[in-house]
Protein backbone atom coordinates (compact mmCIF):
# COMPACT_ATOMS: atom_id res chain seq x y z
CA LEU A 1 182.60 147.25 230.42
CA ASN A 2 180.35 148.12 232.90
CA ARG A 3 179.91 145.92 236.31
CA SER A 4 176.28 144.20 235.30
CA TYR A 5 178.30 143.05 231.97
CA GLU A 6 181.23 141.84 233.43
CA GLY A 7 179.51 139.19 235.30
CA VAL A 8 178.37 137.66 232.08
CA HIS A 9 181.66 137.86 230.64
CA ASP A 10 183.16 135.99 233.35
CA GLY A 11 180.97 133.04 233.03
CA TYR A 12 180.26 132.67 229.17
CA GLY A 13 183.17 132.41 226.91
CA ILE A 14 185.45 135.06 227.28
CA VAL A 15 188.36 133.48 229.48
CA GLY A 16 192.17 133.74 229.42
CA VAL A 17 192.02 137.39 227.91
CA GLU A 18 192.06 140.61 230.11
CA ARG A 19 188.99 142.14 231.07
CA GLY A 20 187.63 144.45 228.24
CA MET A 21 189.82 142.67 225.31
CA LEU A 22 188.04 140.76 222.93
CA ARG A 23 189.79 137.91 220.84
CA ASP A 24 190.39 138.09 217.14
CA TRP A 25 189.93 134.28 216.60
CA ASN A 26 190.51 134.27 212.65
CA ASP A 27 193.69 136.24 213.31
CA GLU A 28 194.82 134.25 216.40
CA TYR A 29 194.32 131.00 214.22
CA GLN A 30 195.96 132.66 211.05
CA LEU A 31 199.09 133.29 213.06
CA CYS A 32 199.30 129.63 214.21
CA ILE A 33 199.07 128.48 210.73
CA GLU A 34 201.86 131.02 209.39
CA MET A 35 204.05 129.91 212.35
CA PRO A 36 207.24 128.31 210.67
CA SER A 37 207.64 124.75 210.46
CA VAL A 38 210.74 123.66 208.71
CA THR A 39 212.47 121.79 211.83
CA ILE A 40 210.42 118.93 214.18
CA GLU A 41 210.62 121.68 216.94
CA GLU A 42 208.59 124.26 215.05
CA LYS A 43 206.27 121.66 213.53
CA MET A 44 205.59 120.96 217.16
CA GLN A 45 205.19 124.22 218.33
CA ARG A 46 202.92 125.16 215.43
CA CYS A 47 200.78 122.05 215.98
CA ALA A 48 200.30 123.08 219.65
CA ALA A 49 199.30 126.38 219.12
CA ILE A 50 196.72 125.34 216.43
CA ASP A 51 195.61 122.80 219.14
CA ARG A 52 195.53 125.54 221.74
CA ILE A 53 193.41 127.94 219.89
CA GLN A 54 190.84 125.22 218.67
CA LYS A 55 190.37 124.00 221.94
CA GLU A 56 190.03 127.70 223.67
CA PHE A 57 187.63 128.38 220.67
CA VAL A 58 185.57 125.59 221.58
CA GLU A 59 185.40 126.42 224.97
CA ALA A 60 184.32 129.93 224.17
CA ALA A 61 181.39 128.80 221.93
CA ILE A 62 180.07 126.06 224.34
CA ASN A 63 179.87 128.66 226.87
CA ALA A 64 178.61 131.34 224.88
CA VAL A 65 175.66 128.76 223.64
CA ARG A 66 175.00 128.03 227.27
CA GLY A 67 174.86 131.88 228.03
CA ILE A 68 172.25 132.01 224.90
CA LEU A 69 169.96 129.36 226.27
CA ASN A 70 170.30 130.59 229.74
CA GLY A 71 168.66 134.09 228.61
CA HIS A 72 171.96 135.97 229.69
CA ILE A 73 172.78 136.82 226.31
CA PRO A 74 170.23 138.81 224.02
CA PRO A 75 170.11 138.46 219.80
CA ILE A 76 171.12 141.13 218.17
CA ASN A 77 168.31 141.11 216.20
CA PRO A 78 165.78 140.86 219.06
CA ASP A 79 162.62 142.37 216.97
CA ASP A 80 162.91 139.25 214.47
CA PRO A 81 161.31 135.91 214.84
CA PRO A 82 163.18 133.59 217.52
CA HIS A 83 164.19 131.13 214.71
CA VAL A 84 166.21 133.71 213.15
CA HIS A 85 167.99 135.17 216.16
CA ALA A 86 171.39 135.64 215.87
CA TYR A 87 174.09 136.32 218.17
CA VAL A 88 177.45 137.55 218.70
CA TYR A 89 179.44 137.09 221.68
CA ASN A 90 183.53 137.08 222.39
CA GLN A 91 183.54 137.79 218.41
CA ILE A 92 181.70 134.51 217.47
CA PHE A 93 178.80 134.56 215.39
CA ILE A 94 175.97 132.25 216.81
CA SER A 95 172.58 131.44 214.60
CA LEU A 96 170.23 128.53 214.44
CA ALA A 97 170.92 126.23 211.67
CA SER A 98 168.29 125.99 209.36
CA PHE A 99 167.52 122.45 207.31
CA ARG A 100 165.33 122.77 204.54
CA SER A 101 165.01 120.33 201.39
């Protein structure tokens, strides 16, 4: 990462990971789901791991949205109208939900 991008990473969703390494949220969640859960101890460890990854994902997503709203994270499709802008940050895809009836 270059120096100008490092400051954005520090404040917007990339937490608990060595600099330059992005998290694979799907893989981490799948690993938690596949943990053994035969004994009470295994079930407790599995539940704790799932809870941890979900909390970290939500925290990262909230921080990414804050970065988007503050104009620090650019859209991946800047030439499109703002209502269809999409963003990828910290391996999280973010777009505006559209509700049409």
